[in-house]
């Protein structure tokens, strides 16, 4: 069993939210993050549990509409794979959301610890946070579940990890650690490896250097070799 989760506070349509976004947008991005965490290790998502610190209507329904949109993209049926809790007792002035995705995988099929010494690690998408997320999504500059599904279907990809608020450099280290390898950053990087990638706007993939051109032909998002594994 594989579990992924994410949470959000102060982002949404309510009067004292710090970042104003439509509830549907919030729902899409927060469930996308949890789905990516589960799917990136080779697990199949089974269900989504959504805890909303807002009233059912209108804010809750808008958020859930976004959640359902992303669920359908990865083959989940919202009518049977989604459970929701909302705040019905008190009026809220700020949006709060918690999201959990549960998946399942056979141990031998999980994509963990399969990176190899000499692999290069490529970043897919630009690290984006706050208002940048919406702007860069509109420009086709951030990673999404479509990109993840393409990586998962490619036999030349050895490892995948989504990048969130801890940034590219941190997750590069995690990807290396999973395989007992050492991460070596490349020089003169165009990607800010310390910047938050917000709601998983970047994916890291490990592969042989000889397969980088195949990856470039597979995806249309910004890509950069951020280093290699030893």
C-alpha atoms as a PDB file:
ATOM      1  CA  UNK A   1       0.000   0.000   0.000  1.00  0.00           C
ATOM      2  CA  UNK A   2       1.253   3.465  -0.931  1.00  0.00           C
ATOM      3  CA  UNK A   3      -0.092   6.688   0.579  1.00  0.00           C
ATOM      4  CA  UNK A   4       0.444  10.256  -0.628  1.00  0.00           C
ATOM      5  CA  UNK A   5      -0.924  13.418   0.956  1.00  0.00           C
ATOM      6  CA  UNK A   6      -0.863  17.178   0.673  1.00  0.00           C
ATOM      7  CA  UNK A   7      -2.391  20.137   2.493  1.00  0.00           C
ATOM      8  CA  UNK A   8      -3.168  23.751   1.733  1.00  0.00           C
ATOM      9  CA  UNK A   9      -4.108  26.754   3.850  1.00  0.00           C
ATOM     10  CA  UNK A  10      -4.733  30.372   2.951  1.00  0.00           C
ATOM     11  CA  UNK A  11      -5.083  29.605  -0.756  1.00  0.00           C
ATOM     12  CA  UNK A  12      -8.534  29.823  -2.299  1.00  0.00           C
ATOM     13  CA  UNK A  13     -11.496  32.136  -2.913  1.00  0.00           C
ATOM     14  CA  UNK A  14     -12.306  33.173   0.665  1.00  0.00           C
ATOM     15  CA  UNK A  15     -12.046  36.717   2.003  1.00  0.00           C
ATOM     16  CA  UNK A  16      -8.853  36.348   4.033  1.00  0.00           C
ATOM     17  CA  UNK A  17      -7.034  33.873   1.792  1.00  0.00           C
ATOM     18  CA  UNK A  18      -3.502  35.057   1.072  1.00  0.00           C
ATOM     19  CA  UNK A  19      -3.484  33.828  -2.520  1.00  0.00           C
ATOM     20  CA  UNK A  20      -6.798  34.235  -4.324  1.00  0.00           C
ATOM     21  CA  UNK A  21      -7.648  31.359  -6.662  1.00  0.00           C
ATOM     22  CA  UNK A  22     -10.838  29.675  -7.747  1.00  0.00           C
ATOM     23  CA  UNK A  23     -11.746  26.590  -5.718  1.00  0.00           C
ATOM     24  CA  UNK A  24     -11.629  24.383  -8.801  1.00  0.00           C
ATOM     25  CA  UNK A  25      -8.021  25.402  -9.456  1.00  0.00           C
ATOM     26  CA  UNK A  26      -7.097  24.641  -5.851  1.00  0.00           C
ATOM     27  CA  UNK A  27      -8.733  21.218  -6.043  1.00  0.00           C
ATOM     28  CA  UNK A  28      -6.891  20.321  -9.226  1.00  0.00           C
ATOM     29  CA  UNK A  29      -3.451  21.178  -7.920  1.00  0.00           C
ATOM     30  CA  UNK A  30      -3.710  19.745  -4.436  1.00  0.00           C
ATOM     31  CA  UNK A  31      -4.979  16.344  -5.566  1.00  0.00           C
ATOM     32  CA  UNK A  32      -2.474  16.336  -8.429  1.00  0.00           C
ATOM     33  CA  UNK A  33       0.365  16.553  -5.919  1.00  0.00           C
ATOM     34  CA  UNK A  34      -0.879  13.595  -3.876  1.00  0.00           C
ATOM     35  CA  UNK A  35      -1.594  11.547  -7.004  1.00  0.00           C
ATOM     36  CA  UNK A  36       1.912  12.168  -8.335  1.00  0.00           C
ATOM     37  CA  UNK A  37       3.492  10.993  -5.087  1.00  0.00           C
ATOM     38  CA  UNK A  38       1.661   7.679  -5.337  1.00  0.00           C
ATOM     39  CA  UNK A  39       1.993   7.134  -9.064  1.00  0.00           C
ATOM     40  CA  UNK A  40       5.683   8.071  -9.282  1.00  0.00           C
ATOM     41  CA  UNK A  41       6.682   4.909  -7.394  1.00  0.00           C
ATOM     42  CA  UNK A  42       4.642   2.725  -9.731  1.00  0.00           C
ATOM     43  CA  UNK A  43       1.512   2.373  -7.598  1.00  0.00           C
ATOM     44  CA  UNK A  44      -2.037   2.453  -8.924  1.00  0.00           C
ATOM     45  CA  UNK A  45      -4.254   5.010  -7.151  1.00  0.00           C
ATOM     46  CA  UNK A  46      -7.360   3.446  -5.628  1.00  0.00           C
ATOM     47  CA  UNK A  47      -9.098   6.248  -3.765  1.00  0.00           C
ATOM     48  CA  UNK A  48      -8.932   9.893  -2.757  1.00  0.00           C
ATOM     49  CA  UNK A  49      -9.920  11.257   0.654  1.00  0.00           C
ATOM     50  CA  UNK A  50     -10.539  14.990   0.790  1.00  0.00           C
ATOM     51  CA  UNK A  51     -10.941  16.925   4.045  1.00  0.00           C
ATOM     52  CA  UNK A  52     -12.276  20.436   3.450  1.00  0.00           C
ATOM     53  CA  UNK A  53     -12.240  23.140   6.094  1.00  0.00           C
ATOM     54  CA  UNK A  54     -14.928  25.041   4.168  1.00  0.00           C
ATOM     55  CA  UNK A  55     -18.689  24.887   3.689  1.00  0.00           C
ATOM     56  CA  UNK A  56     -20.053  22.358   1.153  1.00  0.00           C
ATOM     57  CA  UNK A  57     -21.525  25.026  -1.128  1.00  0.00           C
ATOM     58  CA  UNK A  58     -20.221  26.925  -2.942  1.00  0.00           C
ATOM     59  CA  UNK A  59     -16.540  26.637  -1.978  1.00  0.00           C
ATOM     60  CA  UNK A  60     -16.466  22.905  -1.236  1.00  0.00           C
ATOM     61  CA  UNK A  61     -18.223  21.981  -4.452  1.00  0.00           C
ATOM     62  CA  UNK A  62     -15.830  24.076  -6.524  1.00  0.00           C
ATOM     63  CA  UNK A  63     -12.818  22.399  -4.936  1.00  0.00           C
ATOM     64  CA  UNK A  64     -14.297  18.941  -5.464  1.00  0.00           C
ATOM     65  CA  UNK A  65     -14.992  19.724  -9.124  1.00  0.00           C
ATOM     66  CA  UNK A  66     -11.256  20.310  -9.569  1.00  0.00           C
ATOM     67  CA  UNK A  67     -10.415  17.117  -7.691  1.00  0.00           C
ATOM     68  CA  UNK A  68     -12.744  15.083  -9.894  1.00  0.00           C
ATOM     69  CA  UNK A  69     -11.184  16.539 -13.044  1.00  0.00           C
ATOM     70  CA  UNK A  70      -7.708  15.318 -12.077  1.00  0.00           C
ATOM     71  CA  UNK A  71      -9.012  11.955 -10.888  1.00  0.00           C
ATOM     72  CA  UNK A  72     -10.565  11.241 -14.272  1.00  0.00           C
ATOM     73  CA  UNK A  73      -7.273  12.066 -16.004  1.00  0.00           C
ATOM     74  CA  UNK A  74      -5.573   9.154 -14.226  1.00  0.00           C
ATOM     75  CA  UNK A  75      -8.453   6.714 -14.649  1.00  0.00           C
ATOM     76  CA  UNK A  76     -10.178   7.085 -11.263  1.00  0.00           C
ATOM     77  CA  UNK A  77     -13.971   7.242 -11.075  1.00  0.00           C
ATOM     78  CA  UNK A  78     -15.038   9.947  -8.605  1.00  0.00           C
ATOM     79  CA  UNK A  79     -18.400   8.297  -7.967  1.00  0.00           C
ATOM     80  CA  UNK A  80     -16.711   5.270  -6.399  1.00  0.00           C
ATOM     81  CA  UNK A  81     -13.197   6.401  -5.452  1.00  0.00           C
ATOM     82  CA  UNK A  82     -13.741   9.745  -3.670  1.00  0.00           C
ATOM     83  CA  UNK A  83     -14.696  10.450  -0.065  1.00  0.00           C
ATOM     84  CA  UNK A  84     -15.240  14.009   1.168  1.00  0.00           C
ATOM     85  CA  UNK A  85     -15.632  15.739   4.505  1.00  0.00           C
ATOM     86  CA  UNK A  86     -16.621  19.420   4.837  1.00  0.00           C
ATOM     87  CA  UNK A  87     -17.120  22.035   7.557  1.00  0.00           C
ATOM     88  CA  UNK A  88     -20.839  22.305   8.264  1.00  0.00           C
ATOM     89  CA  UNK A  89     -20.843  23.767  11.767  1.00  0.00           C
ATOM     90  CA  UNK A  90     -18.934  27.046  11.600  1.00  0.00           C
ATOM     91  CA  UNK A  91     -18.531  29.775   9.019  1.00  0.00           C
ATOM     92  CA  UNK A  92     -14.967  29.925   7.721  1.00  0.00           C
ATOM     93  CA  UNK A  93     -13.147  32.957   6.374  1.00  0.00           C
ATOM     94  CA  UNK A  94     -10.072  31.158   5.047  1.00  0.00           C
ATOM     95  CA  UNK A  95      -9.702  28.041   2.911  1.00  0.00           C
ATOM     96  CA  UNK A  96      -8.112  24.887   4.310  1.00  0.00           C
ATOM     97  CA  UNK A  97      -7.796  21.559   2.505  1.00  0.00           C
ATOM     98  CA  UNK A  98      -6.209  18.189   3.274  1.00  0.00           C
ATOM     99  CA  UNK A  99      -5.860  15.556   0.565  1.00  0.00           C
ATOM    100  CA  UNK A 100      -4.879  11.873   0.810  1.00  0.00           C
ATOM    101  CA  UNK A 101      -4.460   9.373  -2.016  1.00  0.00           C
ATOM    102  CA  UNK A 102      -4.174   5.648  -1.363  1.00  0.00           C
ATOM    103  CA  UNK A 103      -2.689   3.321  -3.959  1.00  0.00           C
ATOM    104  CA  UNK A 104      -1.462  -0.222  -4.270  1.00  0.00           C
ATOM    105  CA  UNK A 105       1.454  -1.894  -6.019  1.00  0.00           C
ATOM    106  CA  UNK A 106       3.283  -5.210  -6.114  1.00  0.00           C
ATOM    107  CA  UNK A 107       6.669  -4.851  -4.445  1.00  0.00           C
ATOM    108  CA  UNK A 108       8.549  -6.106  -7.509  1.00  0.00           C
ATOM    109  CA  UNK A 109       6.830  -3.506  -9.713  1.00  0.00           C
ATOM    110  CA  UNK A 110       7.591  -0.465  -7.567  1.00  0.00           C
ATOM    111  CA  UNK A 111       9.919   2.120  -9.087  1.00  0.00           C
ATOM    112  CA  UNK A 112      12.101   2.722  -6.055  1.00  0.00           C
ATOM    113  CA  UNK A 113      15.850   2.183  -5.849  1.00  0.00           C
ATOM    114  CA  UNK A 114      16.249   1.375  -9.536  1.00  0.00           C
ATOM    115  CA  UNK A 115      18.492   4.289 -10.512  1.00  0.00           C
ATOM    116  CA  UNK A 116      21.986   3.256 -11.578  1.00  0.00           C
ATOM    117  CA  UNK A 117      25.440   4.686 -11.178  1.00  0.00           C
ATOM    118  CA  UNK A 118      26.186   6.884 -14.171  1.00  0.00           C
ATOM    119  CA  UNK A 119      22.533   7.831 -14.704  1.00  0.00           C
ATOM    120  CA  UNK A 120      21.810  11.457 -15.436  1.00  0.00           C
ATOM    121  CA  UNK A 121      18.905  13.149 -13.695  1.00  0.00           C
ATOM    122  CA  UNK A 122      16.669  15.415 -15.758  1.00  0.00           C
ATOM    123  CA  UNK A 123      14.215  17.967 -14.428  1.00  0.00           C
ATOM    124  CA  UNK A 124      10.890  18.286 -16.252  1.00  0.00           C
ATOM    125  CA  UNK A 125       9.060  21.592 -15.779  1.00  0.00           C
ATOM    126  CA  UNK A 126       9.993  24.881 -14.153  1.00  0.00           C
ATOM    127  CA  UNK A 127       9.922  25.287 -10.364  1.00  0.00           C
ATOM    128  CA  UNK A 128       6.877  27.470  -9.708  1.00  0.00           C
ATOM    129  CA  UNK A 129       5.126  28.692  -6.591  1.00  0.00           C
ATOM    130  CA  UNK A 130       2.208  31.010  -5.807  1.00  0.00           C
ATOM    131  CA  UNK A 131       0.877  33.012  -8.732  1.00  0.00           C
ATOM    132  CA  UNK A 132       3.669  31.608 -10.932  1.00  0.00           C
ATOM    133  CA  UNK A 133       1.930  28.228 -10.927  1.00  0.00           C
ATOM    134  CA  UNK A 134      -1.106  29.476 -12.851  1.00  0.00           C
ATOM    135  CA  UNK A 135       0.969  31.649 -15.151  1.00  0.00           C
ATOM    136  CA  UNK A 136       3.400  28.870 -16.047  1.00  0.00           C
ATOM    137  CA  UNK A 137       0.694  26.241 -16.421  1.00  0.00           C
ATOM    138  CA  UNK A 138      -0.997  28.466 -19.008  1.00  0.00           C
ATOM    139  CA  UNK A 139       2.328  28.639 -20.858  1.00  0.00           C
ATOM    140  CA  UNK A 140       2.858  24.861 -20.700  1.00  0.00           C
ATOM    141  CA  UNK A 141       5.921  25.193 -18.485  1.00  0.00           C
ATOM    142  CA  UNK A 142       5.116  22.992 -15.481  1.00  0.00           C
ATOM    143  CA  UNK A 143       4.955  19.215 -15.083  1.00  0.00           C
ATOM    144  CA  UNK A 144       1.580  17.496 -14.743  1.00  0.00           C
ATOM    145  CA  UNK A 145       0.052  14.037 -14.549  1.00  0.00           C
ATOM    146  CA  UNK A 146       0.126  13.646 -18.347  1.00  0.00           C
ATOM    147  CA  UNK A 147       3.913  14.015 -18.233  1.00  0.00           C
ATOM    148  CA  UNK A 148       4.130  11.534 -15.366  1.00  0.00           C
ATOM    149  CA  UNK A 149       2.079   8.949 -17.249  1.00  0.00           C
ATOM    150  CA  UNK A 150       4.413   9.260 -20.236  1.00  0.00           C
ATOM    151  CA  UNK A 151       7.461   8.778 -18.020  1.00  0.00           C
ATOM    152  CA  UNK A 152       5.891   5.731 -16.384  1.00  0.00           C
ATOM    153  CA  UNK A 153       5.194   4.169 -19.788  1.00  0.00           C
ATOM    154  CA  UNK A 154       8.817   4.590 -20.944  1.00  0.00           C
ATOM    155  CA  UNK A 155      11.126   1.617 -20.407  1.00  0.00           C
ATOM    156  CA  UNK A 156      14.265   3.778 -20.345  1.00  0.00           C
ATOM    157  CA  UNK A 157      13.283   5.683 -17.175  1.00  0.00           C
ATOM    158  CA  UNK A 158      14.859   4.210 -14.038  1.00  0.00           C
ATOM    159  CA  UNK A 159      13.506   6.494 -11.337  1.00  0.00           C
ATOM    160  CA  UNK A 160      10.960   9.293 -10.922  1.00  0.00           C
ATOM    161  CA  UNK A 161      10.282  11.699  -8.083  1.00  0.00           C
ATOM    162  CA  UNK A 162       7.969  14.742  -7.924  1.00  0.00           C
ATOM    163  CA  UNK A 163       9.428  17.988  -6.598  1.00  0.00           C
ATOM    164  CA  UNK A 164       7.430  20.194  -4.251  1.00  0.00           C
ATOM    165  CA  UNK A 165       8.214  22.843  -1.675  1.00  0.00           C
ATOM    166  CA  UNK A 166      11.628  21.416  -0.692  1.00  0.00           C
ATOM    167  CA  UNK A 167      13.017  22.050  -4.168  1.00  0.00           C
ATOM    168  CA  UNK A 168      14.958  20.181  -6.843  1.00  0.00           C
ATOM    169  CA  UNK A 169      18.205  19.820  -4.907  1.00  0.00           C
ATOM    170  CA  UNK A 170      16.526  18.114  -1.961  1.00  0.00           C
ATOM    171  CA  UNK A 171      14.554  15.628  -4.082  1.00  0.00           C
ATOM    172  CA  UNK A 172      17.655  14.940  -6.193  1.00  0.00           C
ATOM    173  CA  UNK A 173      19.272  13.762  -2.982  1.00  0.00           C
ATOM    174  CA  UNK A 174      16.274  11.591  -2.109  1.00  0.00           C
ATOM    175  CA  UNK A 175      16.310   9.978  -5.562  1.00  0.00           C
ATOM    176  CA  UNK A 176      20.001   9.149  -5.115  1.00  0.00           C
ATOM    177  CA  UNK A 177      19.556   7.876  -1.555  1.00  0.00           C
ATOM    178  CA  UNK A 178      16.837   5.434  -2.620  1.00  0.00           C
ATOM    179  CA  UNK A 179      19.415   3.632  -4.777  1.00  0.00           C
ATOM    180  CA  UNK A 180      22.382   4.045  -2.441  1.00  0.00           C
ATOM    181  CA  UNK A 181      24.041   6.506  -4.819  1.00  0.00           C
ATOM    182  CA  UNK A 182      25.626   9.951  -4.543  1.00  0.00           C
ATOM    183  CA  UNK A 183      24.005  12.968  -6.267  1.00  0.00           C
ATOM    184  CA  UNK A 184      26.434  15.146  -8.237  1.00  0.00           C
ATOM    185  CA  UNK A 185      25.016  18.493  -9.335  1.00  0.00           C
ATOM    186  CA  UNK A 186      25.959  19.813 -12.754  1.00  0.00           C
ATOM    187  CA  UNK A 187      27.592  23.200 -13.108  1.00  0.00           C
ATOM    188  CA  UNK A 188      26.032  26.349 -14.607  1.00  0.00           C
ATOM    189  CA  UNK A 189      22.491  25.154 -14.011  1.00  0.00           C
ATOM    190  CA  UNK A 190      19.640  27.075 -15.590  1.00  0.00           C
ATOM    191  CA  UNK A 191      17.227  25.689 -12.991  1.00  0.00           C
ATOM    192  CA  UNK A 192      17.077  27.180  -9.487  1.00  0.00           C
ATOM    193  CA  UNK A 193      17.559  23.945  -7.529  1.00  0.00           C
ATOM    194  CA  UNK A 194      16.795  25.568  -4.161  1.00  0.00           C
ATOM    195  CA  UNK A 195      13.509  27.176  -5.169  1.00  0.00           C
ATOM    196  CA  UNK A 196      10.182  25.736  -4.067  1.00  0.00           C
ATOM    197  CA  UNK A 197       8.377  23.872  -6.831  1.00  0.00           C
ATOM    198  CA  UNK A 198       5.030  24.402  -5.098  1.00  0.00           C
ATOM    199  CA  UNK A 199       2.388  21.784  -5.998  1.00  0.00           C
ATOM    200  CA  UNK A 200       4.783  19.369  -7.734  1.00  0.00           C
ATOM    201  CA  UNK A 201       5.464  21.579 -10.740  1.00  0.00           C
ATOM    202  CA  UNK A 202       8.668  19.614 -11.475  1.00  0.00           C
ATOM    203  CA  UNK A 203       9.397  15.935 -11.999  1.00  0.00           C
ATOM    204  CA  UNK A 204      12.879  14.421 -11.764  1.00  0.00           C
ATOM    205  CA  UNK A 205      13.735  11.382 -13.864  1.00  0.00           C
ATOM    206  CA  UNK A 206      16.886   9.240 -13.887  1.00  0.00           C
ATOM    207  CA  UNK A 207      18.053   7.555 -17.079  1.00  0.00           C
ATOM    208  CA  UNK A 208      21.136   6.715 -19.120  1.00  0.00           C
ATOM    209  CA  UNK A 209      22.714   9.690 -20.848  1.00  0.00           C
ATOM    210  CA  UNK A 210      22.280   7.936 -24.193  1.00  0.00           C
ATOM    211  CA  UNK A 211      18.492   8.095 -23.728  1.00  0.00           C
ATOM    212  CA  UNK A 212      18.207  11.838 -23.079  1.00  0.00           C
ATOM    213  CA  UNK A 213      17.249  12.578 -26.683  1.00  0.00           C
ATOM    214  CA  UNK A 214      14.453  10.009 -26.413  1.00  0.00           C
ATOM    215  CA  UNK A 215      13.153  11.876 -23.364  1.00  0.00           C
ATOM    216  CA  UNK A 216      13.352  15.208 -25.178  1.00  0.00           C
ATOM    217  CA  UNK A 217      11.197  13.747 -27.933  1.00  0.00           C
ATOM    218  CA  UNK A 218       8.685  12.359 -25.460  1.00  0.00           C
ATOM    219  CA  UNK A 219       7.798  15.511 -23.519  1.00  0.00           C
ATOM    220  CA  UNK A 220       7.234  19.115 -24.547  1.00  0.00           C
ATOM    221  CA  UNK A 221       7.997  20.759 -21.196  1.00  0.00           C
ATOM    222  CA  UNK A 222      11.224  22.603 -20.270  1.00  0.00           C
ATOM    223  CA  UNK A 223      13.918  20.070 -19.399  1.00  0.00           C
ATOM    224  CA  UNK A 224      17.405  20.327 -17.989  1.00  0.00           C
ATOM    225  CA  UNK A 225      20.101  17.871 -16.890  1.00  0.00           C
ATOM    226  CA  UNK A 226      20.673  18.805 -13.275  1.00  0.00           C
ATOM    227  CA  UNK A 227      23.374  16.273 -12.528  1.00  0.00           C
ATOM    228  CA  UNK A 228      24.288  12.600 -12.395  1.00  0.00           C
ATOM    229  CA  UNK A 229      24.450   9.735  -9.910  1.00  0.00           C
ATOM    230  CA  UNK A 230      27.585   7.977  -8.703  1.00  0.00           C
END
